[in-house]
Amino acid sequence: MRVDGRLLHHLRFADDIVLITPNISQAERMLADFDDACGKIGLQLNLTKKMFMRNEWVLDASFPLSGTTISECFSYI
């Protein structure tokens, strides 16, 4: 996503992060890379809190991380 001409690939706030990707396969890679990076510094992602959203251009899809399927979120407030 471009904002003011800059390519955004993530948003961060407190202990939350939003990964922005053009497709599910890149989201899988980015999330796996993020999980690996967290593990290297002793952090572990909370698999029960992870969710994904998609727009109308993405077909029904789900993806796993470490054998856990990530839930789809349909609205955000």
Protein backbone atom coordinates (compact mmCIF):
# COMPACT_ATOMS: atom_id res chain seq x y z
CA MET A 1 0.00 0.00 0.00
CA ARG A 2 1.37 3.45 -0.89
CA VAL A 3 0.87 6.44 1.38
CA ASP A 4 2.37 9.78 0.31
CA GLY A 5 4.43 7.91 -2.28
CA ARG A 6 5.98 5.56 0.29
CA LEU A 7 5.37 1.81 0.22
CA LEU A 8 3.94 0.56 3.54
CA HIS A 9 4.31 -3.10 4.44
CA HIS A 10 3.42 -2.92 8.13
CA LEU A 11 1.81 -0.74 10.80
CA ARG A 12 2.76 -0.90 14.50
CA PHE A 13 1.03 0.26 17.66
CA ALA A 14 2.00 -0.82 21.19
CA ASP A 15 2.23 -4.63 21.01
CA ASP A 16 0.16 -4.95 17.82
CA ILE A 17 1.35 -5.16 14.23
CA VAL A 18 -0.47 -5.17 10.90
CA LEU A 19 1.31 -6.78 7.94
CA ILE A 20 0.22 -5.49 4.53
CA THR A 21 0.78 -7.76 1.52
CA PRO A 22 -0.62 -8.07 -2.01
CA ASN A 23 -1.36 -11.81 -1.72
CA ILE A 24 -1.70 -14.73 0.69
CA SER A 25 1.62 -16.36 -0.25
CA GLN A 26 3.54 -13.19 0.60
CA ALA A 27 1.56 -12.88 3.85
CA GLU A 28 2.57 -16.44 4.77
CA ARG A 29 6.25 -15.68 4.09
CA MET A 30 6.16 -12.35 5.92
CA LEU A 31 4.44 -13.84 8.97
CA ALA A 32 6.85 -16.80 9.07
CA ASP A 33 9.84 -14.41 8.80
CA PHE A 34 8.39 -12.24 11.56
CA ASP A 35 7.84 -15.30 13.76
CA ASP A 36 11.46 -16.40 13.16
CA ALA A 37 12.79 -12.92 13.99
CA CYS A 38 10.75 -12.83 17.20
CA GLY A 39 12.09 -16.25 18.20
CA LYS A 40 15.68 -15.07 17.77
CA ILE A 41 15.21 -12.45 20.50
CA GLY A 42 13.18 -14.69 22.80
CA LEU A 43 9.69 -13.52 21.86
CA GLN A 44 6.82 -15.79 20.87
CA LEU A 45 3.77 -14.80 18.84
CA ASN A 46 0.43 -15.44 20.53
CA LEU A 47 -1.18 -17.80 18.01
CA THR A 48 -4.64 -17.34 19.57
CA LYS A 49 -4.64 -13.58 18.87
CA LYS A 50 -3.54 -13.61 15.23
CA MET A 51 -6.15 -12.81 12.57
CA PHE A 52 -6.17 -11.77 8.94
CA MET A 53 -8.38 -9.58 6.77
CA ARG A 54 -8.69 -9.60 3.02
CA ASN A 55 -10.28 -7.37 0.44
CA GLU A 56 -12.73 -8.32 -2.29
CA TRP A 57 -9.93 -9.14 -4.76
CA VAL A 58 -8.66 -12.05 -2.66
CA LEU A 59 -10.53 -15.33 -3.00
CA ASP A 60 -11.52 -17.30 0.08
CA ALA A 61 -8.27 -18.24 1.70
CA SER A 62 -6.74 -19.26 4.97
CA PHE A 63 -3.18 -19.94 5.94
CA PRO A 64 -1.38 -21.73 8.75
CA LEU A 65 1.60 -20.79 10.90
CA SER A 66 3.36 -23.50 12.89
CA GLY A 67 0.45 -25.84 12.21
CA THR A 68 -2.17 -23.39 13.50
CA THR A 69 -4.73 -21.94 11.07
CA ILE A 70 -5.10 -18.19 11.43
CA SER A 71 -8.68 -16.94 11.83
CA GLU A 72 -10.23 -14.47 9.40
CA CYS A 73 -11.48 -11.13 10.71
CA PHE A 74 -14.44 -9.60 8.86
CA SER A 75 -14.59 -6.17 10.53
CA TYR A 76 -12.34 -3.83 12.45
CA ILE A 77 -13.35 -0.97 14.70
